Amino acid sequence: MTGLERVRAALAQLGSDCQVVELPDSTRTAADAARAIGCTVAQIAKSIVFCASETARPVLVIASGVNRVNEKRIAELVGQSIERATPDFVRERTGFAIGGVAPIGHATPPITFIDSDLAQFAEIWAAAGTPHAVFKTTSAELQRATGAGLFHIK
């Protein structure tokens, strides 16, 4: 099953009415995605994967496209140090390649945190398993889909 198919299946399993949109332009970065969609960079829910140092568990931070993640803050929330995941770790643990990591449909369920700044928008856009696919959602829907809460991640 491709990453795109896993995202569609996860959305269906959640009973979500979110529709995946495939775009001709790249959505690999938050800026690329905003340009391709026609929204602000802040409305892009970028998925950043870290590795928990002691347990090697994946840690997913779903952040507003304009925000930088405070890794010390995330480590505090996780209760252990974290490090940026390698591309191989990301693919192995999530099933997605960097640039298309979706917030749902992961091969290994991650510890997940959602940037509270995303709650200010009526709609946000997240990757849908490839660097050319996205889906429109809300922070409340992401919370429901991932079981994660909102946190100040900056």
N, C-alpha and C. Protein backbone atom coordinates (compact mmCIF):
# COMPACT_ATOMS: atom_id res chain seq x y z
N MET A 1 0.85 -1.18 0.00
CA MET A 1 0.00 0.00 0.00
C MET A 1 0.90 1.25 0.00
N THR A 2 0.61 2.18 -0.89
CA THR A 2 1.41 3.41 -0.95
C THR A 2 1.07 4.32 0.22
N GLY A 3 1.90 5.34 0.44
CA GLY A 3 1.63 6.32 1.49
C GLY A 3 0.30 7.02 1.28
N LEU A 4 0.02 7.37 0.04
CA LEU A 4 -1.23 8.04 -0.30
C LEU A 4 -2.43 7.14 0.02
N GLU A 5 -2.31 5.86 -0.33
CA GLU A 5 -3.39 4.92 -0.04
C GLU A 5 -3.59 4.73 1.47
N ARG A 6 -2.47 4.72 2.23
CA ARG A 6 -2.57 4.59 3.69
C ARG A 6 -3.27 5.79 4.30
N VAL A 7 -2.99 6.99 3.79
CA VAL A 7 -3.65 8.19 4.31
C VAL A 7 -5.15 8.14 3.99
N ARG A 8 -5.49 7.78 2.77
CA ARG A 8 -6.91 7.67 2.41
C ARG A 8 -7.61 6.63 3.29
N ALA A 9 -6.96 5.51 3.52
CA ALA A 9 -7.54 4.46 4.36
C ALA A 9 -7.69 4.93 5.80
N ALA A 10 -6.69 5.65 6.31
CA ALA A 10 -6.76 6.16 7.69
C ALA A 10 -7.90 7.17 7.82
N LEU A 11 -8.04 8.06 6.84
CA LEU A 11 -9.15 9.03 6.87
C LEU A 11 -10.49 8.31 6.85
N ALA A 12 -10.62 7.29 6.01
CA ALA A 12 -11.87 6.52 5.93
C ALA A 12 -12.15 5.80 7.24
N GLN A 13 -11.11 5.21 7.84
CA GLN A 13 -11.27 4.49 9.10
C GLN A 13 -11.71 5.43 10.22
N LEU A 14 -11.24 6.66 10.17
CA LEU A 14 -11.62 7.67 11.17
C LEU A 14 -13.02 8.22 10.93
N GLY A 15 -13.60 7.88 9.80
CA GLY A 15 -14.91 8.43 9.46
C GLY A 15 -14.83 9.89 9.08
N SER A 16 -13.66 10.31 8.63
CA SER A 16 -13.43 11.70 8.26
C SER A 16 -13.95 11.97 6.85
N ASP A 17 -14.45 13.17 6.66
CA ASP A 17 -14.86 13.56 5.31
C ASP A 17 -13.78 14.38 4.60
N CYS A 18 -12.58 14.41 5.18
CA CYS A 18 -11.46 15.11 4.55
C CYS A 18 -11.12 14.42 3.24
N GLN A 19 -10.91 15.22 2.22
CA GLN A 19 -10.58 14.70 0.90
C GLN A 19 -9.12 14.99 0.57
N VAL A 20 -8.44 13.99 0.06
CA VAL A 20 -7.06 14.16 -0.38
C VAL A 20 -7.07 14.87 -1.73
N VAL A 21 -6.19 15.86 -1.86
CA VAL A 21 -6.05 16.62 -3.10
C VAL A 21 -4.65 16.36 -3.63
N GLU A 22 -4.56 15.89 -4.87
CA GLU A 22 -3.26 15.70 -5.51
C GLU A 22 -2.98 16.92 -6.38
N LEU A 23 -1.79 17.47 -6.24
CA LEU A 23 -1.42 18.70 -6.92
C LEU A 23 -0.26 18.47 -7.89
N PRO A 24 -0.22 19.22 -8.98
CA PRO A 24 0.91 19.09 -9.91
C PRO A 24 2.20 19.68 -9.34
N ASP A 25 2.06 20.70 -8.47
CA ASP A 25 3.23 21.33 -7.88
C ASP A 25 3.63 20.63 -6.58
N SER A 26 4.89 20.71 -6.24
CA SER A 26 5.41 20.08 -5.03
C SER A 26 4.83 20.71 -3.77
N THR A 27 4.58 19.88 -2.78
CA THR A 27 4.17 20.34 -1.45
C THR A 27 5.20 19.87 -0.43
N ARG A 28 6.42 19.64 -0.89
CA ARG A 28 7.49 19.08 -0.06
C ARG A 28 7.83 19.95 1.15
N THR A 29 7.84 21.26 0.98
CA THR A 29 8.11 22.17 2.10
C THR A 29 6.83 22.94 2.41
N ALA A 30 6.79 23.56 3.58
CA ALA A 30 5.62 24.35 3.95
C ALA A 30 5.40 25.49 2.95
N ALA A 31 6.47 26.14 2.53
CA ALA A 31 6.35 27.24 1.57
C ALA A 31 5.83 26.73 0.22
N ASP A 32 6.36 25.58 -0.23
CA ASP A 32 5.89 24.98 -1.48
C ASP A 32 4.41 24.64 -1.39
N ALA A 33 4.02 24.04 -0.28
CA ALA A 33 2.63 23.63 -0.10
C ALA A 33 1.70 24.84 -0.09
N ALA A 34 2.07 25.88 0.63
CA ALA A 34 1.23 27.08 0.69
C ALA A 34 1.05 27.70 -0.69
N ARG A 35 2.13 27.75 -1.44
CA ARG A 35 2.08 28.28 -2.80
C ARG A 35 1.16 27.43 -3.69
N ALA A 36 1.30 26.12 -3.61
CA ALA A 36 0.51 25.21 -4.45
C ALA A 36 -0.98 25.24 -4.08
N ILE A 37 -1.27 25.41 -2.80
CA ILE A 37 -2.66 25.39 -2.31
C ILE A 37 -3.32 26.76 -2.43
N GLY A 38 -2.50 27.81 -2.20
CA GLY A 38 -3.05 29.16 -2.18
C GLY A 38 -3.50 29.58 -0.79
N CYS A 39 -2.76 29.13 0.22
CA CYS A 39 -3.05 29.52 1.61
C CYS A 39 -1.78 30.13 2.20
N THR A 40 -1.84 30.51 3.46
CA THR A 40 -0.64 31.04 4.12
C THR A 40 0.24 29.89 4.59
N VAL A 41 1.51 30.17 4.76
CA VAL A 41 2.44 29.16 5.25
C VAL A 41 2.04 28.72 6.66
N ALA A 42 1.50 29.63 7.44
CA ALA A 42 1.07 29.31 8.81
C ALA A 42 -0.03 28.26 8.84
N GLN A 43 -0.81 28.14 7.75
CA GLN A 43 -1.90 27.16 7.69
C GLN A 43 -1.43 25.76 7.29
N ILE A 44 -0.15 25.61 7.02
CA ILE A 44 0.39 24.30 6.68
C ILE A 44 0.75 23.58 7.98
N ALA A 45 0.20 22.39 8.15
CA ALA A 45 0.49 21.55 9.31
C ALA A 45 1.64 20.62 8.91
N LYS A 46 2.87 21.07 9.17
CA LYS A 46 4.02 20.27 8.76
C LYS A 46 4.29 19.19 9.82
N SER A 47 4.63 18.01 9.34
CA SER A 47 4.92 16.87 10.21
C SER A 47 6.43 16.70 10.31
N ILE A 48 6.95 16.85 11.53
CA ILE A 48 8.38 16.73 11.77
C ILE A 48 8.60 15.54 12.69
N VAL A 49 9.47 14.63 12.27
CA VAL A 49 9.70 13.40 13.02
C VAL A 49 11.03 13.47 13.75
N PHE A 50 10.99 13.09 15.02
CA PHE A 50 12.17 12.99 15.86
C PHE A 50 12.27 11.55 16.36
N CYS A 51 13.39 11.22 16.94
CA CYS A 51 13.60 9.91 17.53
C CYS A 51 13.87 10.10 19.03
N ALA A 52 13.10 9.43 19.87
CA ALA A 52 13.35 9.46 21.31
C ALA A 52 14.63 8.68 21.58
N SER A 53 15.59 9.31 22.21
CA SER A 53 16.93 8.74 22.34
C SER A 53 16.97 7.42 23.10
N GLU A 54 16.24 7.31 24.20
CA GLU A 54 16.32 6.11 25.02
C GLU A 54 15.50 4.94 24.48
N THR A 55 14.35 5.24 23.90
CA THR A 55 13.44 4.17 23.47
C THR A 55 13.41 3.97 21.96
N ALA A 56 14.00 4.88 21.21
CA ALA A 56 13.99 4.87 19.74
C ALA A 56 12.57 4.94 19.19
N ARG A 57 11.64 5.45 19.99
CA ARG A 57 10.28 5.63 19.51
C ARG A 57 10.18 6.87 18.64
N PRO A 58 9.37 6.83 17.59
CA PRO A 58 9.18 8.04 16.79
C PRO A 58 8.35 9.07 17.55
N VAL A 59 8.73 10.32 17.40
CA VAL A 59 8.02 11.44 18.00
C VAL A 59 7.62 12.35 16.86
N LEU A 60 6.33 12.60 16.73
CA LEU A 60 5.81 13.43 15.65
C LEU A 60 5.35 14.77 16.21
N VAL A 61 5.86 15.84 15.64
CA VAL A 61 5.39 17.18 15.98
C VAL A 61 4.70 17.74 14.74
N ILE A 62 3.42 18.07 14.90
CA ILE A 62 2.65 18.67 13.81
C ILE A 62 2.65 20.16 14.09
N ALA A 63 3.43 20.90 13.34
CA ALA A 63 3.68 22.31 13.62
C ALA A 63 3.15 23.21 12.52
N SER A 64 2.78 24.41 12.90
CA SER A 64 2.43 25.43 11.91
C SER A 64 3.65 25.66 11.02
N GLY A 65 3.41 25.82 9.73
CA GLY A 65 4.49 25.98 8.76
C GLY A 65 5.44 27.12 9.03
N VAL A 66 5.04 28.11 9.83
CA VAL A 66 5.92 29.24 10.12
C VAL A 66 6.73 29.05 11.40
N ASN A 67 6.42 28.01 12.15
CA ASN A 67 7.07 27.82 13.45
C ASN A 67 8.23 26.86 13.40
N ARG A 68 9.20 27.17 14.21
CA ARG A 68 10.34 26.29 14.43
C ARG A 68 10.08 25.54 15.72
N VAL A 69 10.38 24.27 15.75
CA VAL A 69 10.12 23.44 16.93
C VAL A 69 11.24 23.62 17.95
N ASN A 70 10.86 23.86 19.20
CA ASN A 70 11.81 23.94 20.30
C ASN A 70 12.05 22.50 20.77
N GLU A 71 13.16 21.93 20.36
CA GLU A 71 13.44 20.53 20.65
C GLU A 71 13.58 20.27 22.14
N LYS A 72 14.07 21.25 22.90
CA LYS A 72 14.17 21.07 24.35
C LYS A 72 12.78 20.94 24.97
N ARG A 73 11.83 21.73 24.47
CA ARG A 73 10.46 21.66 24.97
C ARG A 73 9.84 20.29 24.67
N ILE A 74 10.05 19.80 23.46
CA ILE A 74 9.50 18.49 23.08
C ILE A 74 10.16 17.39 23.93
N ALA A 75 11.46 17.47 24.14
CA ALA A 75 12.15 16.48 24.98
C ALA A 75 11.56 16.48 26.39
N GLU A 76 11.25 17.66 26.93
CA GLU A 76 10.62 17.74 28.25
C GLU A 76 9.27 17.03 28.24
N LEU A 77 8.49 17.27 27.20
CA LEU A 77 7.17 16.64 27.10
C LEU A 77 7.28 15.12 26.95
N VAL A 78 8.29 14.66 26.21
CA VAL A 78 8.48 13.22 25.99
C VAL A 78 9.08 12.56 27.23
N GLY A 79 9.88 13.31 27.99
CA GLY A 79 10.52 12.76 29.18
C GLY A 79 11.87 12.11 28.90
N GLN A 80 12.42 12.40 27.73
CA GLN A 80 13.75 11.93 27.37
C GLN A 80 14.27 12.79 26.22
N SER A 81 15.56 12.73 26.00
CA SER A 81 16.11 13.54 24.91
C SER A 81 15.61 13.01 23.57
N ILE A 82 15.60 13.90 22.60
CA ILE A 82 15.18 13.54 21.24
C ILE A 82 16.23 14.03 20.26
N GLU A 83 16.21 13.45 19.09
CA GLU A 83 17.10 13.92 18.03
C GLU A 83 16.33 13.88 16.72
N ARG A 84 16.77 14.70 15.78
CA ARG A 84 16.15 14.69 14.45
C ARG A 84 16.27 13.30 13.87
N ALA A 85 15.21 12.82 13.30
CA ALA A 85 15.21 11.49 12.69
C ALA A 85 15.93 11.53 11.35
N THR A 86 16.63 10.47 11.03
CA THR A 86 17.26 10.34 9.72
C THR A 86 16.18 10.00 8.69
N PRO A 87 16.46 10.25 7.41
CA PRO A 87 15.48 9.87 6.39
C PRO A 87 15.11 8.38 6.44
N ASP A 88 16.09 7.52 6.72
CA ASP A 88 15.80 6.08 6.81
C ASP A 88 14.88 5.78 7.98
N PHE A 89 15.12 6.41 9.13
CA PHE A 89 14.27 6.22 10.31
C PHE A 89 12.85 6.68 10.00
N VAL A 90 12.74 7.84 9.35
CA VAL A 90 11.42 8.38 9.01
C VAL A 90 10.67 7.40 8.12
N ARG A 91 11.30 6.93 7.08
CA ARG A 91 10.63 6.00 6.15
C ARG A 91 10.27 4.70 6.85
N GLU A 92 11.20 4.16 7.64
CA GLU A 92 10.96 2.88 8.32
C GLU A 92 9.83 2.99 9.34
N ARG A 93 9.83 4.03 10.15
CA ARG A 93 8.87 4.14 11.25
C ARG A 93 7.53 4.72 10.84
N THR A 94 7.54 5.63 9.85
CA THR A 94 6.26 6.24 9.46
C THR A 94 5.67 5.58 8.22
N GLY A 95 6.56 5.07 7.36
CA GLY A 95 6.11 4.54 6.07
C GLY A 95 6.06 5.61 5.00
N PHE A 96 6.47 6.82 5.34
CA PHE A 96 6.46 7.95 4.41
C PHE A 96 7.87 8.46 4.20
N ALA A 97 8.11 9.07 3.04
CA ALA A 97 9.38 9.74 2.80
C ALA A 97 9.27 11.18 3.29
N ILE A 98 10.40 11.75 3.69
CA ILE A 98 10.42 13.15 4.10
C ILE A 98 9.86 13.99 2.95
N GLY A 99 9.02 14.95 3.29
CA GLY A 99 8.37 15.78 2.28
C GLY A 99 6.94 15.34 2.02
N GLY A 100 6.58 14.17 2.54
CA GLY A 100 5.22 13.67 2.36
C GLY A 100 4.68 13.02 3.62
N VAL A 101 5.35 13.26 4.77
CA VAL A 101 4.93 12.63 6.03
C VAL A 101 3.58 13.20 6.46
N ALA A 102 2.60 12.32 6.53
CA ALA A 102 1.26 12.70 6.95
C ALA A 102 1.16 12.63 8.48
N PRO A 103 0.17 13.29 9.04
CA PRO A 103 -0.01 13.21 10.50
C PRO A 103 -0.71 11.92 10.93
N ILE A 104 -1.20 11.14 9.98
CA ILE A 104 -1.93 9.90 10.28
C ILE A 104 -1.41 8.78 9.38
N GLY A 105 -1.79 7.54 9.70
CA GLY A 105 -1.44 6.41 8.85
C GLY A 105 -0.02 5.92 8.99
N HIS A 106 0.60 6.15 10.14
CA HIS A 106 1.99 5.78 10.35
C HIS A 106 2.14 4.28 10.56
N ALA A 107 3.24 3.73 10.08
CA ALA A 107 3.56 2.32 10.26
C ALA A 107 3.73 1.99 11.75
N THR A 108 4.39 2.86 12.49
CA THR A 108 4.57 2.74 13.93
C THR A 108 3.91 3.95 14.58
N PRO A 109 2.90 3.74 15.42
CA PRO A 109 2.25 4.91 16.04
C PRO A 109 3.25 5.76 16.84
N PRO A 110 3.36 7.04 16.49
CA PRO A 110 4.32 7.90 17.18
C PRO A 110 3.71 8.56 18.42
N ILE A 111 4.60 9.09 19.26
CA ILE A 111 4.18 10.01 20.31
C ILE A 111 3.94 11.32 19.56
N THR A 112 2.76 11.91 19.68
CA THR A 112 2.40 13.04 18.83
C THR A 112 2.05 14.29 19.63
N PHE A 113 2.50 15.42 19.14
CA PHE A 113 2.20 16.73 19.71
C PHE A 113 1.74 17.65 18.57
N ILE A 114 0.71 18.45 18.83
CA ILE A 114 0.20 19.38 17.83
C ILE A 114 0.45 20.80 18.31
N ASP A 115 0.98 21.61 17.45
CA ASP A 115 1.26 23.02 17.71
C ASP A 115 -0.04 23.76 17.99
N SER A 116 -0.14 24.39 19.14
CA SER A 116 -1.36 25.12 19.50
C SER A 116 -1.64 26.29 18.56
N ASP A 117 -0.62 26.78 17.85
CA ASP A 117 -0.85 27.89 16.90
C ASP A 117 -1.77 27.48 15.76
N LEU A 118 -1.88 26.18 15.46
CA LEU A 118 -2.75 25.72 14.38
C LEU A 118 -4.24 25.92 14.71
N ALA A 119 -4.56 26.02 16.00
CA ALA A 119 -5.97 26.15 16.42
C ALA A 119 -6.59 27.48 16.00
N GLN A 120 -5.79 28.46 15.65
CA GLN A 120 -6.33 29.77 15.27
C GLN A 120 -6.95 29.79 13.87
N PHE A 121 -6.73 28.72 13.09
CA PHE A 121 -7.19 28.71 11.71
C PHE A 121 -8.44 27.84 11.55
N ALA A 122 -9.36 28.32 10.73
CA ALA A 122 -10.58 27.56 10.42
C ALA A 122 -10.24 26.33 9.59
N GLU A 123 -9.19 26.44 8.78
CA GLU A 123 -8.74 25.28 8.00
C GLU A 123 -7.23 25.28 7.93
N ILE A 124 -6.68 24.07 7.97
CA ILE A 124 -5.24 23.87 7.82
C ILE A 124 -5.05 22.74 6.82
N TRP A 125 -3.85 22.62 6.31
CA TRP A 125 -3.54 21.63 5.28
C TRP A 125 -2.38 20.77 5.74
N ALA A 126 -2.50 19.46 5.56
CA ALA A 126 -1.47 18.51 5.97
C ALA A 126 -1.08 17.63 4.80
N ALA A 127 0.15 17.11 4.85
CA ALA A 127 0.63 16.20 3.81
C ALA A 127 -0.20 14.93 3.83
N ALA A 128 -0.34 14.34 2.65
CA ALA A 128 -1.16 13.13 2.51
C ALA A 128 -0.36 11.95 1.95
N GLY A 129 0.90 11.84 2.37
CA GLY A 129 1.66 10.65 2.03
C GLY A 129 2.62 10.76 0.86
N THR A 130 2.55 11.85 0.10
CA THR A 130 3.50 12.08 -0.99
C THR A 130 3.82 13.58 -1.03
N PRO A 131 4.89 13.97 -1.72
CA PRO A 131 5.21 15.39 -1.86
C PRO A 131 4.30 16.14 -2.84
N HIS A 132 3.21 15.52 -3.27
CA HIS A 132 2.27 16.17 -4.18
C HIS A 132 0.82 16.02 -3.73
N ALA A 133 0.61 15.60 -2.48
CA ALA A 133 -0.75 15.37 -2.00
C ALA A 133 -0.94 15.96 -0.61
N VAL A 134 -2.11 16.56 -0.40
CA VAL A 134 -2.45 17.20 0.87
C VAL A 134 -3.93 16.92 1.18
N PHE A 135 -4.31 17.22 2.42
CA PHE A 135 -5.73 17.21 2.75
C PHE A 135 -6.03 18.36 3.69
N LYS A 136 -7.22 18.91 3.53
CA LYS A 136 -7.68 20.03 4.36
C LYS A 136 -8.31 19.47 5.62
N THR A 137 -8.00 20.08 6.76
CA THR A 137 -8.52 19.61 8.03
C THR A 137 -8.56 20.77 9.02
N THR A 138 -8.76 20.47 10.28
CA THR A 138 -8.74 21.47 11.36
C THR A 138 -7.87 20.92 12.48
N SER A 139 -7.47 21.78 13.39
CA SER A 139 -6.67 21.29 14.52
C SER A 139 -7.50 20.34 15.38
N ALA A 140 -8.80 20.61 15.52
CA ALA A 140 -9.66 19.71 16.30
C ALA A 140 -9.73 18.33 15.66
N GLU A 141 -9.83 18.29 14.33
CA GLU A 141 -9.86 17.01 13.62
C GLU A 141 -8.53 16.28 13.77
N LEU A 142 -7.41 17.00 13.73
CA LEU A 142 -6.11 16.37 13.93
C LEU A 142 -5.99 15.81 15.34
N GLN A 143 -6.51 16.54 16.31
CA GLN A 143 -6.48 16.03 17.69
C GLN A 143 -7.27 14.73 17.79
N ARG A 144 -8.44 14.71 17.19
CA ARG A 144 -9.28 13.51 17.22
C ARG A 144 -8.60 12.36 16.50
N ALA A 145 -8.01 12.64 15.35
CA ALA A 145 -7.39 11.60 14.53
C ALA A 145 -6.12 11.02 15.15
N THR A 146 -5.36 11.85 15.86
CA THR A 146 -4.08 11.40 16.41
C THR A 146 -4.12 11.09 17.90
N GLY A 147 -5.15 11.59 18.58
CA GLY A 147 -5.22 11.43 20.03
C GLY A 147 -4.26 12.36 20.76
N ALA A 148 -3.70 13.31 20.03
CA ALA A 148 -2.71 14.24 20.59
C ALA A 148 -3.40 15.53 21.07
N GLY A 149 -2.73 16.21 21.98
CA GLY A 149 -3.21 17.49 22.47
C GLY A 149 -2.47 18.64 21.81
N LEU A 150 -2.93 19.84 22.12
CA LEU A 150 -2.27 21.05 21.63
C LEU A 150 -1.21 21.48 22.64
N PHE A 151 -0.06 21.87 22.13
CA PHE A 151 1.05 22.29 22.98
C PHE A 151 1.73 23.49 22.36
N HIS A 152 2.37 24.32 23.21
CA HIS A 152 3.23 25.38 22.71
C HIS A 152 4.56 24.71 22.39
N ILE A 153 4.90 24.67 21.14
CA ILE A 153 6.07 23.91 20.69
C ILE A 153 7.26 24.82 20.36
N LYS A 154 7.07 26.13 20.49
CA LYS A 154 8.14 27.06 20.12
C LYS A 154 9.10 27.28 21.28
